[in-house]
Structures are given as structure tokens and as C-alpha cells.
PDB file of all heavy atoms in Angstrom:
ATOM      1  N   VAL A   1     126.198 128.982  34.830  1.00  0.00           N
ATOM      2  CA  VAL A   1     125.864 128.103  35.823  1.00  0.00           C
ATOM      3  C   VAL A   1     126.771 126.894  35.964  1.00  0.00           C
ATOM      4  O   VAL A   1     127.281 126.476  36.979  1.00  0.00           O
ATOM      5  CB  VAL A   1     124.326 127.621  35.698  1.00  0.00           C
ATOM      6  CG1 VAL A   1     124.047 126.451  36.631  1.00  0.00           C
ATOM      7  CG2 VAL A   1     123.432 128.833  36.091  1.00  0.00           C
ATOM      8  N   HIS A   2     127.024 126.222  34.779  1.00  0.00           N
ATOM      9  CA  HIS A   2     127.872 125.028  34.727  1.00  0.00           C
ATOM     10  C   HIS A   2     129.321 125.386  35.098  1.00  0.00           C
ATOM     11  O   HIS A   2     129.957 124.627  35.805  1.00  0.00           O
ATOM     12  CB  HIS A   2     127.701 124.400  33.310  1.00  0.00           C
ATOM     13  CG  HIS A   2     126.415 123.628  33.190  1.00  0.00           C
ATOM     14  ND1 HIS A   2     125.299 124.188  32.558  1.00  0.00           N
ATOM     15  CD2 HIS A   2     126.087 122.391  33.565  1.00  0.00           C
ATOM     16  CE1 HIS A   2     124.341 123.298  32.566  1.00  0.00           C
ATOM     17  NE2 HIS A   2     124.780 122.194  33.153  1.00  0.00           N
ATOM     18  N   MET A   3     129.788 126.487  34.566  1.00  0.00           N
ATOM     19  CA  MET A   3     131.131 126.878  34.818  1.00  0.00           C
ATOM     20  C   MET A   3     131.338 127.210  36.322  1.00  0.00           C
ATOM     21  O   MET A   3     132.345 126.816  36.916  1.00  0.00           O
ATOM     22  CB  MET A   3     131.545 128.022  33.947  1.00  0.00           C
ATOM     23  CG  MET A   3     131.685 127.772  32.567  1.00  0.00           C
ATOM     24  SD  MET A   3     132.193 129.234  31.582  1.00  0.00           S
ATOM     25  CE  MET A   3     132.195 128.575  29.871  1.00  0.00           C
ATOM     26  N   VAL A   4     130.402 127.962  36.899  1.00  0.00           N
ATOM     27  CA  VAL A   4     130.528 128.335  38.320  1.00  0.00           C
ATOM     28  C   VAL A   4     130.521 127.052  39.199  1.00  0.00           C
ATOM     29  O   VAL A   4     131.269 126.907  40.139  1.00  0.00           O
ATOM     30  CB  VAL A   4     129.400 129.269  38.667  1.00  0.00           C
ATOM     31  CG1 VAL A   4     129.364 129.462  40.255  1.00  0.00           C
ATOM     32  CG2 VAL A   4     129.598 130.632  38.045  1.00  0.00           C
ATOM     33  N   LYS A   5     129.561 126.155  38.882  1.00  0.00           N
ATOM     34  CA  LYS A   5     129.438 124.908  39.665  1.00  0.00           C
ATOM     35  C   LYS A   5     130.684 124.106  39.588  1.00  0.00           C
ATOM     36  O   LYS A   5     131.112 123.530  40.550  1.00  0.00           O
ATOM     37  CB  LYS A   5     128.250 124.119  39.090  1.00  0.00           C
ATOM     38  CG  LYS A   5     127.980 122.849  39.905  1.00  0.00           C
ATOM     39  CD  LYS A   5     126.669 122.122  39.337  1.00  0.00           C
ATOM     40  CE  LYS A   5     126.395 120.930  40.161  1.00  0.00           C
ATOM     41  NZ  LYS A   5     125.232 120.219  39.593  1.00  0.00           N
ATOM     42  N   ASP A   6     131.390 124.113  38.411  1.00  0.00           N
ATOM     43  CA  ASP A   6     132.550 123.258  38.247  1.00  0.00           C
ATOM     44  C   ASP A   6     133.870 123.886  38.692  1.00  0.00           C
ATOM     45  O   ASP A   6     134.832 123.212  38.959  1.00  0.00           O
ATOM     46  CB  ASP A   6     132.661 122.768  36.827  1.00  0.00           C
ATOM     47  CG  ASP A   6     131.528 121.829  36.391  1.00  0.00           C
ATOM     48  OD1 ASP A   6     130.863 121.220  37.315  1.00  0.00           O
ATOM     49  OD2 ASP A   6     131.231 121.691  35.150  1.00  0.00           O
ATOM     50  N   GLU A   7     133.938 125.250  38.599  1.00  0.00           N
ATOM     51  CA  GLU A   7     135.214 125.893  38.640  1.00  0.00           C
ATOM     52  C   GLU A   7     135.441 126.947  39.722  1.00  0.00           C
ATOM     53  O   GLU A   7     136.598 127.239  40.118  1.00  0.00           O
ATOM     54  CB  GLU A   7     135.525 126.592  37.265  1.00  0.00           C
ATOM     55  CG  GLU A   7     135.478 125.654  36.074  1.00  0.00           C
ATOM     56  CD  GLU A   7     135.661 126.371  34.717  1.00  0.00           C
ATOM     57  OE1 GLU A   7     136.345 127.457  34.797  1.00  0.00           O
ATOM     58  OE2 GLU A   7     135.186 125.921  33.754  1.00  0.00           O
ATOM     59  N   VAL A   8     134.398 127.490  40.229  1.00  0.00           N
ATOM     60  CA  VAL A   8     134.514 128.632  41.129  1.00  0.00           C
ATOM     61  C   VAL A   8     134.395 128.146  42.595  1.00  0.00           C
ATOM     62  O   VAL A   8     133.501 127.339  42.923  1.00  0.00           O
ATOM     63  CB  VAL A   8     133.448 129.726  40.855  1.00  0.00           C
ATOM     64  CG1 VAL A   8     133.519 130.855  41.890  1.00  0.00           C
ATOM     65  CG2 VAL A   8     133.524 130.273  39.446  1.00  0.00           C
ATOM     66  N   ASN A   9     135.306 128.618  43.435  1.00  0.00           N
ATOM     67  CA  ASN A   9     135.228 128.275  44.867  1.00  0.00           C
ATOM     68  C   ASN A   9     133.865 128.670  45.522  1.00  0.00           C
ATOM     69  O   ASN A   9     133.276 129.750  45.159  1.00  0.00           O
ATOM     70  CB  ASN A   9     136.366 129.008  45.636  1.00  0.00           C
ATOM     71  CG  ASN A   9     137.681 128.478  45.325  1.00  0.00           C
ATOM     72  OD1 ASN A   9     137.824 127.355  44.880  1.00  0.00           O
ATOM     73  ND2 ASN A   9     138.744 129.269  45.578  1.00  0.00           N
ATOM     74  N   THR A  10     133.360 127.781  46.343  1.00  0.00           N
ATOM     75  CA  THR A  10     132.028 128.024  46.859  1.00  0.00           C
ATOM     76  C   THR A  10     131.971 129.207  47.843  1.00  0.00           C
ATOM     77  O   THR A  10     130.876 129.685  48.198  1.00  0.00           O
ATOM     78  CB  THR A  10     131.529 126.795  47.622  1.00  0.00           C
ATOM     79  OG1 THR A  10     132.495 126.348  48.617  1.00  0.00           O
ATOM     80  CG2 THR A  10     131.350 125.661  46.592  1.00  0.00           C
ATOM     81  N   ASP A  11     133.149 129.747  48.231  1.00  0.00           N
ATOM     82  CA  ASP A  11     133.139 130.901  49.095  1.00  0.00           C
ATOM     83  C   ASP A  11     132.967 132.231  48.358  1.00  0.00           C
ATOM     84  O   ASP A  11     132.943 133.289  48.899  1.00  0.00           O
ATOM     85  CB  ASP A  11     134.334 130.942  50.041  1.00  0.00           C
ATOM     86  CG  ASP A  11     135.639 131.108  49.281  1.00  0.00           C
ATOM     87  OD1 ASP A  11     135.635 130.915  48.052  1.00  0.00           O
ATOM     88  OD2 ASP A  11     136.629 131.557  49.876  1.00  0.00           O
ATOM     89  N   VAL A  12     132.919 132.138  46.975  1.00  0.00           N
ATOM     90  CA  VAL A  12     132.682 133.278  46.206  1.00  0.00           C
ATOM     91  C   VAL A  12     131.229 133.291  45.746  1.00  0.00           C
ATOM     92  O   VAL A  12     130.727 132.247  45.079  1.00  0.00           O
ATOM     93  CB  VAL A  12     133.577 133.295  44.922  1.00  0.00           C
ATOM     94  CG1 VAL A  12     133.306 134.531  44.024  1.00  0.00           C
ATOM     95  CG2 VAL A  12     135.076 133.314  45.355  1.00  0.00           C
ATOM     96  N   GLN A  13     130.501 134.335  46.018  1.00  0.00           N
ATOM     97  CA  GLN A  13     129.076 134.424  45.588  1.00  0.00           C
ATOM     98  C   GLN A  13     129.081 135.022  44.191  1.00  0.00           C
ATOM     99  O   GLN A  13     129.553 136.105  43.936  1.00  0.00           O
ATOM    100  CB  GLN A  13     128.268 135.233  46.562  1.00  0.00           C
ATOM    101  CG  GLN A  13     126.772 135.233  46.226  1.00  0.00           C
ATOM    102  CD  GLN A  13     125.904 135.997  47.244  1.00  0.00           C
ATOM    103  OE1 GLN A  13     126.429 136.814  47.957  1.00  0.00           O
ATOM    104  NE2 GLN A  13     124.725 135.545  47.386  1.00  0.00           N
ATOM    105  N   VAL A  14     128.335 134.344  43.296  1.00  0.00           N
ATOM    106  CA  VAL A  14     128.228 134.792  41.917  1.00  0.00           C
ATOM    107  C   VAL A  14     126.816 135.132  41.556  1.00  0.00           C
ATOM    108  O   VAL A  14     125.929 134.326  41.916  1.00  0.00           O
ATOM    109  CB  VAL A  14     128.711 133.674  40.901  1.00  0.00           C
ATOM    110  CG1 VAL A  14     128.524 134.198  39.437  1.00  0.00           C
ATOM    111  CG2 VAL A  14     130.189 133.330  41.156  1.00  0.00           C
ATOM    112  N   ILE A  15     126.573 136.331  41.111  1.00  0.00           N
ATOM    113  CA  ILE A  15     125.185 136.799  40.818  1.00  0.00           C
ATOM    114  C   ILE A  15     125.108 137.266  39.445  1.00  0.00           C
ATOM    115  O   ILE A  15     126.058 137.901  38.865  1.00  0.00           O
ATOM    116  CB  ILE A  15     124.886 138.028  41.785  1.00  0.00           C
ATOM    117  CG1 ILE A  15     124.993 137.608  43.290  1.00  0.00           C
ATOM    118  CG2 ILE A  15     123.511 138.637  41.510  1.00  0.00           C
ATOM    119  CD1 ILE A  15     125.188 138.800  44.222  1.00  0.00           C
ATOM    120  N   ILE A  16     123.982 136.935  38.780  1.00  0.00           N
ATOM    121  CA  ILE A  16     123.714 137.462  37.520  1.00  0.00           C
ATOM    122  C   ILE A  16     122.542 138.329  37.493  1.00  0.00           C
ATOM    123  O   ILE A  16     121.537 138.077  38.261  1.00  0.00           O
ATOM    124  CB  ILE A  16     123.556 136.346  36.369  1.00  0.00           C
ATOM    125  CG1 ILE A  16     122.372 135.411  36.741  1.00  0.00           C
ATOM    126  CG2 ILE A  16     124.871 135.535  36.200  1.00  0.00           C
ATOM    127  CD1 ILE A  16     122.014 134.419  35.614  1.00  0.00           C
ATOM    128  N   ALA A  17     122.496 139.402  36.704  1.00  0.00           N
ATOM    129  CA  ALA A  17     121.444 140.426  36.722  1.00  0.00           C
ATOM    130  C   ALA A  17     120.966 140.576  35.264  1.00  0.00           C
ATOM    131  O   ALA A  17     121.407 141.483  34.542  1.00  0.00           O
ATOM    132  CB  ALA A  17     121.825 141.747  37.293  1.00  0.00           C
ATOM    133  N   PRO A  18     120.091 139.654  34.789  1.00  0.00           N
ATOM    134  CA  PRO A  18     119.625 139.741  33.414  1.00  0.00           C
ATOM    135  C   PRO A  18     118.494 140.780  33.330  1.00  0.00           C
ATOM    136  O   PRO A  18     117.995 141.258  34.357  1.00  0.00           O
ATOM    137  CB  PRO A  18     119.086 138.361  33.158  1.00  0.00           C
ATOM    138  CG  PRO A  18     118.624 137.920  34.464  1.00  0.00           C
ATOM    139  CD  PRO A  18     119.575 138.494  35.494  1.00  0.00           C
ATOM    140  N   PRO A  19     118.020 141.076  32.170  1.00  0.00           N
ATOM    141  CA  PRO A  19     116.818 141.910  31.993  1.00  0.00           C
ATOM    142  C   PRO A  19     115.660 141.297  32.717  1.00  0.00           C
ATOM    143  O   PRO A  19     115.575 140.036  32.860  1.00  0.00           O
ATOM    144  CB  PRO A  19     116.596 141.960  30.482  1.00  0.00           C
ATOM    145  CG  PRO A  19     117.910 141.798  29.882  1.00  0.00           C
ATOM    146  CD  PRO A  19     118.640 140.818  30.807  1.00  0.00           C
ATOM    147  N   ALA A  20     114.770 142.075  33.273  1.00  0.00           N
ATOM    148  CA  ALA A  20     113.688 141.570  34.118  1.00  0.00           C
ATOM    149  C   ALA A  20     112.811 140.564  33.426  1.00  0.00           C
ATOM    150  O   ALA A  20     112.296 139.678  34.123  1.00  0.00           O
ATOM    151  CB  ALA A  20     112.851 142.777  34.647  1.00  0.00           C
ATOM    152  N   LEU A  21     112.609 140.636  32.169  1.00  0.00           N
ATOM    153  CA  LEU A  21     111.784 139.676  31.497  1.00  0.00           C
ATOM    154  C   LEU A  21     112.207 138.280  31.690  1.00  0.00           C
ATOM    155  O   LEU A  21     111.486 137.295  31.578  1.00  0.00           O
ATOM    156  CB  LEU A  21     111.788 139.979  29.944  1.00  0.00           C
ATOM    157  CG  LEU A  21     110.952 141.081  29.466  1.00  0.00           C
ATOM    158  CD1 LEU A  21     111.315 141.464  27.948  1.00  0.00           C
ATOM    159  CD2 LEU A  21     109.495 140.783  29.576  1.00  0.00           C
ATOM    160  N   TYR A  22     113.524 138.069  31.896  1.00  0.00           N
ATOM    161  CA  TYR A  22     114.124 136.724  31.970  1.00  0.00           C
ATOM    162  C   TYR A  22     114.292 136.190  33.354  1.00  0.00           C
ATOM    163  O   TYR A  22     114.806 135.047  33.527  1.00  0.00           O
ATOM    164  CB  TYR A  22     115.453 136.742  31.223  1.00  0.00           C
ATOM    165  CG  TYR A  22     115.494 137.332  29.853  1.00  0.00           C
ATOM    166  CD1 TYR A  22     116.618 137.981  29.392  1.00  0.00           C
ATOM    167  CD2 TYR A  22     114.381 137.293  29.028  1.00  0.00           C
ATOM    168  CE1 TYR A  22     116.594 138.545  28.065  1.00  0.00           C
ATOM    169  CE2 TYR A  22     114.372 137.912  27.766  1.00  0.00           C
ATOM    170  CZ  TYR A  22     115.562 138.474  27.334  1.00  0.00           C
ATOM    171  OH  TYR A  22     115.503 139.082  26.077  1.00  0.00           O
ATOM    172  N   LEU A  23     113.998 137.010  34.362  1.00  0.00           N
ATOM    173  CA  LEU A  23     114.363 136.555  35.735  1.00  0.00           C
ATOM    174  C   LEU A  23     113.713 135.291  36.140  1.00  0.00           C
ATOM    175  O   LEU A  23     114.378 134.408  36.687  1.00  0.00           O
ATOM    176  CB  LEU A  23     113.914 137.671  36.723  1.00  0.00           C
ATOM    177  CG  LEU A  23     114.834 138.922  36.778  1.00  0.00           C
ATOM    178  CD1 LEU A  23     114.124 140.044  37.517  1.00  0.00           C
ATOM    179  CD2 LEU A  23     116.144 138.595  37.451  1.00  0.00           C
ATOM    180  N   THR A  24     112.430 135.113  35.848  1.00  0.00           N
ATOM    181  CA  THR A  24     111.721 133.888  36.347  1.00  0.00           C
ATOM    182  C   THR A  24     112.353 132.636  35.726  1.00  0.00           C
ATOM    183  O   THR A  24     112.644 131.694  36.436  1.00  0.00           O
ATOM    184  CB  THR A  24     110.214 133.935  35.891  1.00  0.00           C
ATOM    185  OG1 THR A  24     109.651 135.139  36.494  1.00  0.00           O
ATOM    186  CG2 THR A  24     109.527 132.739  36.427  1.00  0.00           C
ATOM    187  N   THR A  25     112.631 132.661  34.409  1.00  0.00           N
ATOM    188  CA  THR A  25     113.251 131.525  33.697  1.00  0.00           C
ATOM    189  C   THR A  25     114.623 131.234  34.199  1.00  0.00           C
ATOM    190  O   THR A  25     114.956 130.071  34.547  1.00  0.00           O
ATOM    191  CB  THR A  25     113.205 131.709  32.253  1.00  0.00           C
ATOM    192  OG1 THR A  25     111.881 131.977  31.794  1.00  0.00           O
ATOM    193  CG2 THR A  25     113.751 130.551  31.474  1.00  0.00           C
ATOM    194  N   LEU A  26     115.441 132.266  34.270  1.00  0.00           N
ATOM    195  CA  LEU A  26     116.874 132.049  34.620  1.00  0.00           C
ATOM    196  C   LEU A  26     117.036 131.713  36.071  1.00  0.00           C
ATOM    197  O   LEU A  26     118.027 131.052  36.454  1.00  0.00           O
ATOM    198  CB  LEU A  26     117.679 133.197  34.265  1.00  0.00           C
ATOM    199  CG  LEU A  26     117.619 133.707  32.804  1.00  0.00           C
ATOM    200  CD1 LEU A  26     118.688 134.663  32.422  1.00  0.00           C
ATOM    201  CD2 LEU A  26     117.787 132.433  31.831  1.00  0.00           C
ATOM    202  N   GLN A  27     116.137 132.138  36.914  1.00  0.00           N
ATOM    203  CA  GLN A  27     116.221 131.844  38.339  1.00  0.00           C
ATOM    204  C   GLN A  27     116.214 130.319  38.614  1.00  0.00           C
ATOM    205  O   GLN A  27     116.865 129.810  39.517  1.00  0.00           O
ATOM    206  CB  GLN A  27     115.050 132.527  39.144  1.00  0.00           C
ATOM    207  CG  GLN A  27     115.239 132.401  40.657  1.00  0.00           C
ATOM    208  CD  GLN A  27     114.554 131.109  41.219  1.00  0.00           C
ATOM    209  OE1 GLN A  27     113.688 130.549  40.516  1.00  0.00           O
ATOM    210  NE2 GLN A  27     114.951 130.703  42.339  1.00  0.00           N
ATOM    211  N   LYS A  28     115.482 129.651  37.781  1.00  0.00           N
ATOM    212  CA  LYS A  28     115.364 128.140  37.932  1.00  0.00           C
ATOM    213  C   LYS A  28     116.725 127.499  37.620  1.00  0.00           C
ATOM    214  O   LYS A  28     116.971 126.410  38.045  1.00  0.00           O
ATOM    215  CB  LYS A  28     114.279 127.625  36.913  1.00  0.00           C
ATOM    216  CG  LYS A  28     112.918 128.151  37.309  1.00  0.00           C
ATOM    217  CD  LYS A  28     111.850 127.698  36.219  1.00  0.00           C
ATOM    218  CE  LYS A  28     110.513 128.329  36.561  1.00  0.00           C
ATOM    219  NZ  LYS A  28     109.535 128.057  35.501  1.00  0.00           N
ATOM    220  N   HIS A  29     117.571 128.143  36.890  1.00  0.00           N
ATOM    221  CA  HIS A  29     118.951 127.615  36.609  1.00  0.00           C
ATOM    222  C   HIS A  29     119.873 127.956  37.708  1.00  0.00           C
ATOM    223  O   HIS A  29     120.644 127.104  38.210  1.00  0.00           O
ATOM    224  CB  HIS A  29     119.435 128.275  35.288  1.00  0.00           C
ATOM    225  CG  HIS A  29     118.758 127.765  34.006  1.00  0.00           C
ATOM    226  ND1 HIS A  29     119.240 126.855  33.214  1.00  0.00           N
ATOM    227  CD2 HIS A  29     117.567 128.088  33.526  1.00  0.00           C
ATOM    228  CE1 HIS A  29     118.428 126.649  32.186  1.00  0.00           C
ATOM    229  NE2 HIS A  29     117.388 127.401  32.377  1.00  0.00           N
ATOM    230  N   THR A  30     119.845 129.239  38.214  1.00  0.00           N
ATOM    231  CA  THR A  30     120.798 129.645  39.215  1.00  0.00           C
ATOM    232  C   THR A  30     120.498 128.948  40.579  1.00  0.00           C
ATOM    233  O   THR A  30     121.424 128.793  41.390  1.00  0.00           O
ATOM    234  CB  THR A  30     120.797 131.119  39.413  1.00  0.00           C
ATOM    235  OG1 THR A  30     119.492 131.657  39.818  1.00  0.00           O
ATOM    236  CG2 THR A  30     121.220 131.816  38.104  1.00  0.00           C
TER     237      THR A  30
END
């Protein structure tokens, strides 16, 4: 999240697909 925010052009969509158990927690970061 921090690297994408600081380094990746905003016209590139970045998606993470973690195990389902972690989706709720990690969604709050993304």
C-alpha cells in the first residue's frame, strides 16, 4: 500500500488477492 501510494502512477490499477480470511482486515488498508 505504501509503495503503490508513493511510487506507482495512478493510471495503473493495483489489486491484491489475499486468502479470504484476511480480506476484511486488508481491505481497510487498500
